[in-house]
């Protein structure tokens, strides 16, 4: 139990599900705070802190008890006596969360007090009443969720914007029907998107050849350097609010945010780019669903319906998605499924191999430092165990890889859609259907029956063309990004994949009395490909799959039939 103090030390907790920062017109946070502070004053308690969770849901879809504000309170149980909140649903919107938090507070001798219900939750009667109220709050939250979900369905059927954050390049505006909202283009953002498209696609509209085939990293760096507001920045939110006629803060003090390569790639895959509407919200960010996997609204013939004014057409969007394939990485390479690799070269799929027995070298420690160690030492006379400091071996291999390939341009192999023939055939069928309508109006009843049969066949052909895949052709082209640039922005898993496409294995010899433990002479790198073949690396995900496509060379310093070469590190081939 906390030591008795006069007055009691109280923390006020404030929560609001939706909040737009300083520009938000809501007075709810201030109202909650004042009511709680007035309650504490009436009780003679000292308010030592006001903790807020603004723009944070209290329902099952939110962070539940992992909200930042609640985490802060739970870290200071030892120096407070009371937690005050305006209403029970500010603390929790389901019985389980409420009871979990209440039990934790009770265990630390902290009382919970709800102002609206005048409940002291430290008493059995207060807890009983609070459980009933929490159950009602849980039911209310579920009802709200169901209502919001159905409301979204209704808005989509009416082809109206469902009220989430507008995609980059658009803002919400009154719908042409006069009911609800729709999306209209933001001219300066559309210009940026079209500039990206022109740089990325082989036959884009860029007039400067030096800028074509740009990399996502290079574009992200340039946009940030030019002060272009990032999609989720405070500056852009204020700009959109100003376009809607809403009051905004001084733009000069707002953060413009930072662009990154993943944001650029996601924008180039987005459905809104082609004017498509999705049934589920489309969001950019880590662990968000791939835009191509979302269910888009379709017309009567099953084709994606263009609802908003598009930035590009459907065939260009398909080409962009080929240019930036969705990540296929589900579980990182490593010794344990679903677990991130501990090092650049470790694990059963790693490149580091023991120079004595050929066994895999896994992550471990040696002398208290992270190391690579043979996973089967003590195997009779075969292996006495080999280890090397992890940071040292990683640095040796990285230096060798970037020295050999760092200045080369990364290229990708892609299948480019060519729907010219399909488009011409669709246009022909549409023309025949249009002519048929005129012929039906002028036909006799007997001829009309024959024309109806002809019309059914045409519509069947029309529907088949609507879902037909366009012809594709293979294009190999440079991304405009060097291996050194790609390496700098890649994470550990992608770096492992880069190495796997170029290196067969990294052999580590045992240390001897005459060689330091991290001397590079202990390391032999067996390269896969050299020369012009080095430009054929695919994306990191494809590079892993490509690993088995090359025959490794085993003779140091000699070329094999496949063009591979092995060399002791330090050599530059």
Protein backbone atom coordinates (compact mmCIF):
# COMPACT_ATOMS: atom_id res chain seq x y z
CA UNK A 1 0.00 0.00 0.00
CA UNK A 2 1.28 3.50 -0.80
CA UNK A 3 2.42 5.53 2.16
CA UNK A 4 -0.30 7.74 3.59
CA UNK A 5 0.08 11.33 2.39
CA UNK A 6 -1.87 14.48 3.06
CA UNK A 7 -3.07 15.49 0.62
CA UNK A 8 -3.36 12.40 -1.59
CA UNK A 9 -1.41 12.51 -4.85
CA UNK A 10 -3.71 12.23 -7.86
CA UNK A 11 -3.15 11.78 -11.59
CA UNK A 12 -5.86 13.01 -13.97
CA UNK A 13 -6.39 10.84 -17.07
CA UNK A 14 -7.94 12.35 -20.23
CA UNK A 15 -8.78 10.45 -23.44
CA UNK A 16 -10.37 11.44 -26.75
CA UNK A 17 -10.72 9.06 -29.73
CA UNK A 18 -10.37 11.68 -32.46
CA UNK A 19 -8.24 14.80 -32.15
CA UNK A 20 -6.50 16.95 -34.76
CA UNK A 21 -3.90 18.68 -32.62
CA UNK A 22 -3.87 22.35 -31.72
CA UNK A 23 -6.28 23.21 -34.55
CA UNK A 24 -8.95 20.81 -33.25
CA UNK A 25 -12.11 22.70 -32.27
CA UNK A 26 -13.15 20.12 -29.66
CA UNK A 27 -13.28 21.30 -26.05
CA UNK A 28 -13.62 17.79 -24.65
CA UNK A 29 -10.01 17.36 -23.38
CA UNK A 30 -10.15 20.69 -21.53
CA UNK A 31 -13.61 19.88 -20.16
CA UNK A 32 -12.48 16.46 -18.89
CA UNK A 33 -9.42 17.96 -17.24
CA UNK A 34 -11.38 20.73 -15.47
CA UNK A 35 -14.03 18.33 -14.11
CA UNK A 36 -11.37 15.99 -12.75
CA UNK A 37 -9.34 18.83 -11.22
CA UNK A 38 -12.48 20.27 -9.59
CA UNK A 39 -13.28 16.83 -8.11
CA UNK A 40 -9.74 16.53 -6.75
CA UNK A 41 -9.92 20.03 -5.23
CA UNK A 42 -13.20 19.19 -3.54
CA UNK A 43 -11.59 16.08 -2.02
CA UNK A 44 -8.48 17.98 -0.96
CA UNK A 45 -6.23 15.93 -3.26
CA UNK A 46 -3.13 17.26 -5.01
CA UNK A 47 -3.07 16.79 -8.81
CA UNK A 48 0.54 15.92 -9.57
CA UNK A 49 0.08 15.33 -13.33
CA UNK A 50 -2.47 15.40 -16.14
CA UNK A 51 -1.92 12.52 -18.60
CA UNK A 52 -3.62 12.66 -22.02
CA UNK A 53 -4.32 10.08 -24.73
CA UNK A 54 -5.60 12.23 -27.61
CA UNK A 55 -6.59 10.73 -30.96
CA UNK A 56 -6.46 7.31 -29.27
CA UNK A 57 -9.31 4.80 -29.37
CA UNK A 58 -10.43 2.98 -26.23
CA UNK A 59 -12.15 0.16 -28.13
CA UNK A 60 -10.91 -3.30 -29.08
CA UNK A 61 -9.55 -1.85 -32.33
CA UNK A 62 -7.33 0.60 -30.47
CA UNK A 63 -4.23 0.08 -28.31
CA UNK A 64 -6.40 -0.98 -25.37
CA UNK A 65 -4.21 -0.85 -22.24
CA UNK A 66 -1.06 -0.18 -24.29
CA UNK A 67 -2.07 3.43 -24.84
CA UNK A 68 0.87 5.83 -24.28
CA UNK A 69 -0.92 7.68 -21.48
CA UNK A 70 -1.88 4.53 -19.56
CA UNK A 71 1.67 3.22 -19.93
CA UNK A 72 2.92 6.44 -18.35
CA UNK A 73 0.52 6.06 -15.41
CA UNK A 74 1.46 2.41 -14.85
CA UNK A 75 5.13 3.37 -14.61
CA UNK A 76 4.48 5.62 -11.62
CA UNK A 77 2.16 3.47 -9.46
CA UNK A 78 4.61 3.80 -6.57
CA UNK A 79 4.33 7.57 -6.18
CA UNK A 80 0.57 8.19 -6.66
CA UNK A 81 -2.55 7.41 -4.65
CA UNK A 82 -5.45 8.09 -7.02
CA UNK A 83 -6.21 8.03 -10.76
CA UNK A 84 -9.15 10.29 -11.71
CA UNK A 85 -11.02 10.21 -15.03
CA UNK A 86 -14.16 12.00 -16.21
CA UNK A 87 -16.14 8.86 -17.12
CA UNK A 88 -15.55 5.10 -17.10
CA UNK A 89 -15.52 4.85 -20.90
CA UNK A 90 -12.55 7.26 -20.93
CA UNK A 91 -10.54 4.55 -19.15
CA UNK A 92 -11.85 1.43 -20.93
CA UNK A 93 -14.58 0.38 -23.32
CA UNK A 94 -14.73 -3.26 -22.34
CA UNK A 95 -15.03 -5.17 -19.08
CA UNK A 96 -11.80 -7.16 -19.50
CA UNK A 97 -9.61 -4.09 -19.93
CA UNK A 98 -11.37 -2.29 -17.09
CA UNK A 99 -10.91 -5.17 -14.64
CA UNK A 100 -7.30 -5.73 -15.69
CA UNK A 101 -6.40 -2.11 -15.03
CA UNK A 102 -8.42 -1.99 -11.81
CA UNK A 103 -6.71 -5.13 -10.44
CA UNK A 104 -3.29 -3.72 -11.30
CA UNK A 105 -4.14 -0.43 -9.57
CA UNK A 106 -5.47 -2.26 -6.53
CA UNK A 107 -2.30 -4.33 -6.32
CA UNK A 108 -0.29 -1.12 -6.04
CA UNK A 109 -2.68 0.49 -3.56
CA UNK A 110 -3.96 3.05 -6.03
CA UNK A 111 -7.66 4.03 -6.09
CA UNK A 112 -9.57 4.67 -9.34
CA UNK A 113 -12.22 7.38 -9.34
CA UNK A 114 -14.81 8.15 -12.03
CA UNK A 115 -16.20 11.70 -11.73
CA UNK A 116 -19.39 11.35 -13.82
CA UNK A 117 -20.60 8.28 -11.99
CA UNK A 118 -19.30 9.48 -8.59
CA UNK A 119 -17.68 6.08 -8.09
CA UNK A 120 -14.80 5.22 -5.82
CA UNK A 121 -13.57 1.99 -7.36
CA UNK A 122 -11.63 1.00 -4.29
CA UNK A 123 -14.91 -0.22 -2.69
CA UNK A 124 -16.78 -3.46 -3.60
CA UNK A 125 -19.97 -1.51 -4.39
CA UNK A 126 -18.09 0.88 -6.65
CA UNK A 127 -16.41 -2.00 -8.50
CA UNK A 128 -19.75 -3.79 -8.99
CA UNK A 129 -21.43 -0.69 -10.44
CA UNK A 130 -18.37 0.07 -12.56
CA UNK A 131 -18.45 -3.42 -14.11
CA UNK A 132 -22.06 -2.90 -15.18
CA UNK A 133 -21.21 0.49 -16.68
CA UNK A 134 -18.13 -0.96 -18.42
CA UNK A 135 -20.32 -3.68 -19.95
CA UNK A 136 -22.65 -1.00 -21.32
CA UNK A 137 -19.63 0.91 -22.66
CA UNK A 138 -18.41 -2.27 -24.39
CA UNK A 139 -21.82 -2.78 -25.99
CA UNK A 140 -21.91 0.87 -27.07
CA UNK A 141 -18.45 0.56 -28.67
CA UNK A 142 -19.54 -2.57 -30.58
CA UNK A 143 -22.71 -0.80 -31.74
CA UNK A 144 -20.68 2.21 -32.92
CA UNK A 145 -18.29 -0.03 -34.83
CA UNK A 146 -21.15 -1.84 -36.57
CA UNK A 147 -22.81 1.49 -37.43
CA UNK A 148 -19.57 2.94 -38.82
CA UNK A 149 -18.94 -0.21 -40.87
CA UNK A 150 -22.44 -0.14 -42.38
CA UNK A 151 -22.14 3.59 -43.00
CA UNK A 152 -18.96 2.99 -44.99
CA UNK A 153 -20.72 0.33 -47.08
CA UNK A 154 -23.55 2.76 -47.84
CA UNK A 155 -21.16 5.58 -48.79
CA UNK A 156 -19.21 3.31 -51.13
CA UNK A 157 -22.39 2.15 -52.85
CA UNK A 158 -23.22 5.83 -53.40
CA UNK A 159 -19.64 6.41 -54.67
CA UNK A 160 -19.00 8.97 -51.95
CA UNK A 161 -15.83 9.43 -49.92
CA UNK A 162 -16.01 7.51 -46.63
CA UNK A 163 -14.23 10.12 -44.54
CA UNK A 164 -10.77 8.63 -43.88
CA UNK A 165 -7.55 10.51 -44.69
CA UNK A 166 -7.58 11.43 -48.42
CA UNK A 167 -4.82 9.80 -50.48
CA UNK A 168 -1.88 11.90 -51.61
CA UNK A 169 -2.82 13.96 -54.66
CA UNK A 170 -6.43 14.44 -53.52
CA UNK A 171 -8.55 16.25 -50.96
CA UNK A 172 -12.16 15.84 -49.96
CA UNK A 173 -14.75 18.26 -51.36
CA UNK A 174 -18.57 18.40 -51.65
CA UNK A 175 -19.83 15.54 -53.82
CA UNK A 176 -21.31 16.51 -57.22
CA UNK A 177 -24.63 14.98 -56.13
CA UNK A 178 -24.86 17.57 -53.35
CA UNK A 179 -24.76 14.84 -50.68
CA UNK A 180 -21.65 13.99 -48.72
CA UNK A 181 -18.07 14.29 -49.92
CA UNK A 182 -15.99 13.19 -52.89
CA UNK A 183 -12.34 13.49 -53.89
CA UNK A 184 -10.87 16.20 -56.10
CA UNK A 185 -7.27 16.56 -57.20
CA UNK A 186 -4.72 18.81 -55.51
CA UNK A 187 -2.88 20.26 -58.54
CA UNK A 188 0.61 20.67 -57.05
CA UNK A 189 0.53 17.14 -55.56
CA UNK A 190 -0.71 15.65 -58.84
CA UNK A 191 2.20 17.34 -60.59
CA UNK A 192 4.60 15.63 -58.15
CA UNK A 193 2.96 12.23 -58.72
CA UNK A 194 3.13 12.59 -62.50
CA UNK A 195 6.77 13.58 -62.21
CA UNK A 196 7.47 10.37 -60.27
CA UNK A 197 5.65 8.27 -62.88
CA UNK A 198 7.62 9.90 -65.70
CA UNK A 199 10.91 9.10 -63.96
CA UNK A 200 10.05 5.50 -63.13
CA UNK A 201 8.55 4.14 -66.34
CA UNK A 202 10.73 3.42 -69.38
CA UNK A 203 8.41 5.35 -71.71
CA UNK A 204 7.38 8.05 -69.23
CA UNK A 205 6.83 11.67 -70.15
CA UNK A 206 10.02 13.05 -68.60
CA UNK A 207 11.75 15.47 -70.96
CA UNK A 208 15.09 15.23 -69.18
CA UNK A 209 16.66 11.83 -70.05
CA UNK A 210 19.03 12.12 -67.09
CA UNK A 211 16.08 11.93 -64.73
CA UNK A 212 14.45 8.83 -66.21
CA UNK A 213 14.53 5.49 -64.42
CA UNK A 214 15.14 7.24 -61.09
CA UNK A 215 15.31 5.36 -57.83
CA UNK A 216 12.78 5.69 -55.02
CA UNK A 217 15.57 6.63 -52.62
CA UNK A 218 16.86 9.40 -54.88
CA UNK A 219 13.38 10.85 -55.39
CA UNK A 220 12.62 10.71 -51.65
CA UNK A 221 15.86 12.55 -50.85
CA UNK A 222 15.18 15.20 -53.51
CA UNK A 223 11.59 15.82 -52.35
CA UNK A 224 12.77 16.23 -48.75
CA UNK A 225 15.61 18.54 -49.80
CA UNK A 226 13.19 20.64 -51.87
CA UNK A 227 10.91 21.10 -48.86
CA UNK A 228 7.94 19.25 -50.43
CA UNK A 229 5.56 18.35 -47.54
CA UNK A 230 5.45 14.60 -46.91
CA UNK A 231 2.04 12.86 -47.21
CA UNK A 232 1.47 12.55 -43.44
CA UNK A 233 3.16 15.78 -42.35
CA UNK A 234 1.51 18.43 -40.19
CA UNK A 235 2.24 20.98 -42.92
CA UNK A 236 0.26 19.05 -45.55
CA UNK A 237 -2.68 18.52 -43.17
CA UNK A 238 -2.81 22.26 -42.58
CA UNK A 239 -2.61 22.97 -46.33
CA UNK A 240 -5.60 20.72 -47.00
CA UNK A 241 -7.52 22.32 -44.15
CA UNK A 242 -6.86 25.75 -45.63
CA UNK A 243 -8.17 24.60 -49.01
CA UNK A 244 -11.37 23.55 -47.22
CA UNK A 245 -11.65 26.98 -45.63
CA UNK A 246 -10.88 25.76 -42.11
CA UNK A 247 -8.69 27.80 -39.73
CA UNK A 248 -5.08 26.62 -39.57
CA UNK A 249 -1.95 27.31 -37.59
CA UNK A 250 0.94 29.37 -38.90
CA UNK A 251 2.36 27.19 -41.69
CA UNK A 252 5.86 28.54 -41.11
CA UNK A 253 6.15 26.70 -37.78
CA UNK A 254 4.80 23.35 -39.00
CA UNK A 255 6.95 20.34 -39.81
CA UNK A 256 7.07 19.35 -43.48
CA UNK A 257 8.07 15.80 -42.61
CA UNK A 258 10.53 13.52 -44.38
CA UNK A 259 9.98 11.47 -47.52
CA UNK A 260 11.30 7.93 -47.65
CA UNK A 261 11.63 5.31 -50.37
CA UNK A 262 8.87 3.08 -49.00
CA UNK A 263 6.37 5.98 -49.17
CA UNK A 264 7.31 6.69 -52.79
CA UNK A 265 6.89 3.01 -53.74
CA UNK A 266 3.54 2.78 -51.93
CA UNK A 267 2.21 5.87 -53.75
CA UNK A 268 3.18 4.32 -57.08
CA UNK A 269 1.09 1.22 -56.20
CA UNK A 270 -1.91 3.09 -54.80
CA UNK A 271 -5.41 2.56 -56.19
CA UNK A 272 -6.32 6.26 -56.02
CA UNK A 273 -3.60 6.96 -58.59
CA UNK A 274 -5.91 5.46 -61.24
CA UNK A 275 -9.08 6.91 -59.65
CA UNK A 276 -10.12 3.61 -58.05
CA UNK A 277 -12.11 3.40 -54.80
CA UNK A 278 -11.46 0.59 -52.29
CA UNK A 279 -13.99 -1.01 -49.98
CA UNK A 280 -11.48 -1.02 -47.12
CA UNK A 281 -9.43 2.05 -46.19
CA UNK A 282 -6.13 2.30 -48.07
CA UNK A 283 -3.31 3.48 -45.85
CA UNK A 284 0.41 3.94 -46.34
CA UNK A 285 2.78 2.67 -43.68
CA UNK A 286 4.50 -0.28 -42.14
CA UNK A 287 2.48 -3.50 -41.92
CA UNK A 288 -0.34 -1.99 -44.01
CA UNK A 289 -2.04 -4.21 -46.62
CA UNK A 290 -0.62 -3.99 -50.13
CA UNK A 291 -2.86 -1.65 -52.20
CA UNK A 292 -3.12 -4.26 -54.98
CA UNK A 293 -4.62 -6.76 -52.51
CA UNK A 294 -7.52 -4.47 -51.53
CA UNK A 295 -11.00 -4.99 -52.94
CA UNK A 296 -11.71 -2.17 -55.40
CA UNK A 297 -15.17 -1.07 -56.49
CA UNK A 298 -15.97 -2.61 -59.88
CA UNK A 299 -18.43 -1.83 -62.64
CA UNK A 300 -21.14 -4.15 -64.01
CA UNK A 301 -18.56 -5.96 -66.16
CA UNK A 302 -16.15 -6.66 -63.33
CA UNK A 303 -13.57 -4.06 -64.31
CA UNK A 304 -12.22 -1.55 -61.72
CA UNK A 305 -14.45 1.51 -61.80
CA UNK A 306 -12.84 4.94 -62.15
CA UNK A 307 -14.63 6.91 -59.43
CA UNK A 308 -12.29 9.87 -58.95
CA UNK A 309 -10.42 11.92 -61.54
CA UNK A 310 -7.36 9.70 -62.22
CA UNK A 311 -3.72 10.75 -62.27
CA UNK A 312 -2.79 7.82 -64.56
CA UNK A 313 -4.78 5.19 -66.44
CA UNK A 314 -5.17 1.56 -65.42
CA UNK A 315 -2.45 0.22 -67.72
CA UNK A 316 0.07 2.70 -66.29
CA UNK A 317 -0.84 1.65 -62.75
CA UNK A 318 -0.26 -1.99 -63.71
CA UNK A 319 3.14 -1.06 -65.17
CA UNK A 320 4.02 0.81 -61.95
CA UNK A 321 3.10 -2.23 -59.88
CA UNK A 322 5.41 -4.30 -62.06
CA UNK A 323 8.09 -1.67 -61.52
CA UNK A 324 7.59 -1.88 -57.75
CA UNK A 325 6.50 -5.43 -56.90
CA UNK A 326 4.80 -6.02 -53.57
CA UNK A 327 7.10 -7.36 -50.89
CA UNK A 328 7.00 -11.15 -50.80
CA UNK A 329 9.03 -11.35 -47.62
CA UNK A 330 6.94 -13.11 -45.00
CA UNK A 331 9.46 -14.68 -42.63
CA UNK A 332 13.03 -13.39 -42.54
CA UNK A 333 15.85 -15.75 -43.37
CA UNK A 334 17.37 -17.19 -40.22
CA UNK A 335 17.79 -20.28 -38.11
CA UNK A 336 14.35 -19.96 -36.51
CA UNK A 337 11.18 -19.43 -38.54
CA UNK A 338 9.53 -16.05 -37.89
CA UNK A 339 12.62 -14.73 -36.16
CA UNK A 340 14.87 -12.02 -37.52
CA UNK A 341 18.45 -13.10 -38.34
CA UNK A 342 20.98 -12.09 -35.71
CA UNK A 343 23.72 -11.24 -38.18
CA UNK A 344 24.46 -10.43 -41.79
CA UNK A 345 25.88 -13.89 -42.49
CA UNK A 346 24.50 -16.25 -39.80
CA UNK A 347 21.93 -19.05 -39.85
CA UNK A 348 21.24 -22.05 -42.05
CA UNK A 349 20.43 -19.69 -44.95
CA UNK A 350 23.43 -17.51 -44.14
CA UNK A 351 26.69 -17.37 -46.05
CA UNK A 352 29.23 -17.86 -43.24
CA UNK A 353 30.69 -21.38 -43.23
CA UNK A 354 33.30 -23.05 -41.05
CA UNK A 355 36.67 -23.45 -42.80
CA UNK A 356 37.34 -26.75 -41.01
CA UNK A 357 34.15 -28.77 -41.45
CA UNK A 358 32.00 -26.66 -43.81
CA UNK A 359 29.29 -26.33 -41.16
CA UNK A 360 26.97 -23.34 -40.76
CA UNK A 361 28.16 -20.54 -38.50
CA UNK A 362 25.40 -19.22 -36.24
CA UNK A 363 25.25 -16.15 -34.06
CA UNK A 364 26.64 -16.44 -30.56
CA UNK A 365 29.13 -14.81 -28.21
CA UNK A 366 32.84 -15.27 -27.74
CA UNK A 367 34.63 -13.52 -24.93
CA UNK A 368 31.45 -11.54 -24.27
CA UNK A 369 31.30 -10.13 -27.84
CA UNK A 370 28.76 -11.03 -30.56
CA UNK A 371 30.39 -13.61 -32.83
CA UNK A 372 29.81 -16.19 -35.54
CA UNK A 373 30.49 -19.72 -34.29
CA UNK A 374 30.52 -23.10 -36.03
CA UNK A 375 27.28 -24.90 -35.11
CA UNK A 376 28.93 -28.32 -34.84
CA UNK A 377 32.27 -28.02 -33.02
CA UNK A 378 33.73 -31.12 -31.43
CA UNK A 379 32.85 -33.37 -34.35
CA UNK A 380 35.76 -35.77 -33.73
CA UNK A 381 38.85 -34.99 -35.76
CA UNK A 382 36.74 -33.10 -38.32
CA UNK A 383 36.21 -29.83 -36.47
CA UNK A 384 37.65 -28.26 -33.37
CA UNK A 385 35.41 -25.19 -33.59
CA UNK A 386 35.82 -21.90 -35.45
CA UNK A 387 34.61 -18.47 -34.35
CA UNK A 388 35.12 -14.85 -35.42
CA UNK A 389 33.84 -11.50 -34.18
CA UNK A 390 30.57 -10.71 -35.94
CA UNK A 391 31.17 -6.98 -36.48
CA UNK A 392 34.60 -7.67 -37.96
CA UNK A 393 33.41 -10.30 -40.46
CA UNK A 394 30.40 -8.20 -41.45
CA UNK A 395 32.70 -5.23 -42.13
CA UNK A 396 35.11 -7.36 -44.20
CA UNK A 397 32.32 -8.78 -46.38
CA UNK A 398 30.53 -5.44 -46.74
CA UNK A 399 33.74 -3.72 -47.83
CA UNK A 400 34.45 -6.45 -50.38
CA UNK A 401 30.89 -6.42 -51.77
CA UNK A 402 30.68 -2.65 -52.13
CA UNK A 403 34.20 -2.53 -53.54
CA UNK A 404 33.19 -5.00 -56.25
CA UNK A 405 29.64 -3.82 -56.97
CA UNK A 406 29.02 -0.54 -55.15
CA UNK A 407 29.43 1.69 -58.21
CA UNK A 408 27.41 -0.54 -60.52
CA UNK A 409 23.78 0.29 -61.22
CA UNK A 410 21.11 -2.05 -59.95
CA UNK A 411 18.91 -3.36 -62.74
CA UNK A 412 15.56 -5.07 -62.56
CA UNK A 413 13.87 -7.52 -64.88
CA UNK A 414 10.17 -6.80 -65.24
CA UNK A 415 7.21 -7.87 -67.28
CA UNK A 416 5.66 -4.78 -68.89
CA UNK A 417 1.98 -4.97 -69.79
CA UNK A 418 1.07 -4.12 -73.38
CA UNK A 419 -2.70 -3.88 -73.72
CA UNK A 420 -2.72 -2.18 -77.15
CA UNK A 421 -4.30 -5.20 -78.85
CA UNK A 422 -6.83 -5.68 -76.05
CA UNK A 423 -7.81 -2.01 -76.11
CA UNK A 424 -8.35 -2.12 -79.86
CA UNK A 425 -10.52 -5.23 -79.57
CA UNK A 426 -12.56 -3.72 -76.73
CA UNK A 427 -13.11 -0.60 -78.81
CA UNK A 428 -14.28 -2.77 -81.72
CA UNK A 429 -16.76 -4.68 -79.52
CA UNK A 430 -18.09 -1.43 -78.00
CA UNK A 431 -18.64 -0.09 -81.51
CA UNK A 432 -20.50 -3.24 -82.58
CA UNK A 433 -22.73 -3.04 -79.49
CA UNK A 434 -23.50 0.60 -80.23
CA UNK A 435 -24.41 -0.21 -83.85
CA UNK A 436 -26.54 -3.11 -82.66
CA UNK A 437 -28.70 -0.81 -80.54
CA UNK A 438 -29.55 1.27 -83.63
CA UNK A 439 -30.25 -1.87 -85.68
CA UNK A 440 -32.57 -3.25 -82.97
CA UNK A 441 -34.68 -0.08 -82.97
CA UNK A 442 -35.17 -0.31 -86.73
CA UNK A 443 -35.61 -4.12 -86.90
CA UNK A 444 -38.79 -6.14 -87.26
CA UNK A 445 -39.86 -8.39 -84.36
CA UNK A 446 -38.41 -11.46 -86.09
CA UNK A 447 -35.10 -9.73 -86.80
CA UNK A 448 -35.02 -8.34 -83.28
CA UNK A 449 -34.97 -11.87 -81.84
CA UNK A 450 -31.96 -12.72 -84.01
CA UNK A 451 -30.22 -9.51 -83.00
CA UNK A 452 -30.77 -10.29 -79.32
CA UNK A 453 -28.87 -13.55 -79.80
CA UNK A 454 -26.10 -11.63 -81.56
CA UNK A 455 -26.06 -9.08 -78.73
CA UNK A 456 -25.69 -11.79 -76.07
CA UNK A 457 -22.64 -13.16 -77.90
CA UNK A 458 -21.12 -9.69 -78.11
CA UNK A 459 -21.67 -9.05 -74.40
CA UNK A 460 -20.05 -12.40 -73.59
CA UNK A 461 -17.05 -11.36 -75.67
CA UNK A 462 -17.08 -7.92 -73.99
CA UNK A 463 -17.04 -9.47 -70.49
CA UNK A 464 -14.21 -11.84 -71.41
CA UNK A 465 -12.13 -8.92 -72.67
CA UNK A 466 -12.81 -7.04 -69.43
CA UNK A 467 -10.95 -9.66 -67.38
CA UNK A 468 -8.40 -10.72 -70.01
CA UNK A 469 -4.76 -10.20 -69.08
CA UNK A 470 -2.78 -7.99 -71.48
CA UNK A 471 0.23 -9.31 -73.34
CA UNK A 472 3.51 -8.78 -71.55
CA UNK A 473 7.09 -8.35 -72.65
CA UNK A 474 10.28 -8.67 -70.64
CA UNK A 475 12.28 -5.49 -70.07
CA UNK A 476 15.65 -5.27 -68.36
CA UNK A 477 16.50 -1.77 -67.23
CA UNK A 478 18.53 0.19 -64.77
CA UNK A 479 16.84 1.67 -61.71
CA UNK A 480 19.20 4.66 -61.54
CA UNK A 481 20.33 3.49 -58.09
CA UNK A 482 23.79 2.07 -57.43
CA UNK A 483 24.38 -0.93 -55.21
CA UNK A 484 26.01 1.40 -52.67
CA UNK A 485 22.84 3.54 -52.52
CA UNK A 486 20.59 0.49 -52.32
CA UNK A 487 22.77 -0.99 -49.56
CA UNK A 488 22.60 2.19 -47.50
CA UNK A 489 18.79 2.17 -47.37
CA UNK A 490 18.34 -1.63 -47.09
CA UNK A 491 17.53 -3.40 -43.84
CA UNK A 492 19.37 -6.50 -42.56
CA UNK A 493 17.16 -8.98 -44.40
CA UNK A 494 17.50 -7.16 -47.73
CA UNK A 495 21.27 -6.85 -47.31
CA UNK A 496 21.49 -10.61 -46.76
CA UNK A 497 19.54 -11.06 -50.00
CA UNK A 498 21.88 -8.73 -51.92
CA UNK A 499 24.86 -10.79 -50.77
CA UNK A 500 23.12 -14.11 -51.50
CA UNK A 501 22.71 -13.15 -55.16
CA UNK A 502 26.44 -12.40 -55.57
CA UNK A 503 28.23 -14.64 -53.06
CA UNK A 504 28.07 -18.41 -52.77
CA UNK A 505 29.68 -18.64 -49.34
CA UNK A 506 32.08 -16.92 -46.96
CA UNK A 507 34.60 -19.39 -45.57
CA UNK A 508 36.20 -18.60 -42.21
CA UNK A 509 39.47 -20.34 -41.32
CA UNK A 510 40.42 -20.95 -37.69
CA UNK A 511 42.61 -18.39 -35.96
CA UNK A 512 46.23 -19.27 -35.38
CA UNK A 513 48.97 -17.95 -33.19
CA UNK A 514 50.45 -16.15 -36.18
CA UNK A 515 47.19 -14.41 -37.25
CA UNK A 516 44.97 -12.04 -35.25
CA UNK A 517 41.44 -13.28 -34.50
CA UNK A 518 39.90 -10.82 -36.98
CA UNK A 519 42.60 -10.81 -39.67
CA UNK A 520 41.10 -10.69 -43.19
CA UNK A 521 43.43 -13.47 -44.35
CA UNK A 522 41.17 -15.89 -42.44
CA UNK A 523 38.27 -15.02 -44.77
CA UNK A 524 37.71 -16.41 -48.28
CA UNK A 525 34.76 -15.11 -50.30
CA UNK A 526 33.43 -17.36 -53.08
CA UNK A 527 31.80 -15.03 -55.61
CA UNK A 528 29.03 -16.09 -57.95
CA UNK A 529 29.22 -13.75 -60.95
CA UNK A 530 31.51 -11.02 -62.23
CA UNK A 531 31.78 -8.65 -65.18
CA UNK A 532 28.65 -7.61 -67.04
CA UNK A 533 26.66 -10.37 -65.30
CA UNK A 534 27.00 -8.36 -62.10
CA UNK A 535 24.42 -5.91 -63.49
CA UNK A 536 21.72 -8.57 -63.57
CA UNK A 537 20.82 -8.49 -59.89
CA UNK A 538 17.09 -8.47 -59.24
CA UNK A 539 15.13 -7.01 -56.36
CA UNK A 540 16.16 -8.34 -52.91
CA UNK A 541 13.20 -10.76 -52.79
CA UNK A 542 14.04 -12.08 -56.28
CA UNK A 543 17.73 -12.28 -55.42
CA UNK A 544 17.06 -14.93 -52.77
CA UNK A 545 15.15 -17.03 -55.29
CA UNK A 546 17.93 -16.51 -57.85
CA UNK A 547 20.55 -17.94 -55.53
CA UNK A 548 20.12 -21.51 -56.83
CA UNK A 549 20.27 -20.40 -60.46
CA UNK A 550 24.05 -19.99 -60.48
CA UNK A 551 26.80 -22.62 -60.26
CA UNK A 552 29.33 -21.66 -57.58
CA UNK A 553 33.04 -21.73 -58.24
CA UNK A 554 35.20 -23.67 -55.86
CA UNK A 555 38.71 -22.95 -57.20
CA UNK A 556 40.11 -19.70 -55.77
CA UNK A 557 41.25 -17.35 -58.50
CA UNK A 558 39.85 -19.44 -61.35
CA UNK A 559 36.80 -18.91 -63.52
CA UNK A 560 34.26 -21.69 -63.95
CA UNK A 561 32.09 -22.41 -66.97
CA UNK A 562 29.30 -20.21 -65.65
CA UNK A 563 31.61 -17.20 -65.39
CA UNK A 564 31.91 -17.27 -61.62
CA UNK A 565 35.17 -16.52 -59.84
CA UNK A 566 36.46 -17.03 -56.34
CA UNK A 567 38.99 -14.82 -54.63
CA UNK A 568 40.47 -14.21 -51.25
CA UNK A 569 39.00 -11.03 -49.81
CA UNK A 570 41.06 -8.00 -50.69
CA UNK A 571 41.18 -8.98 -54.35
CA UNK A 572 39.15 -6.80 -56.72
CA UNK A 573 37.73 -8.67 -59.68
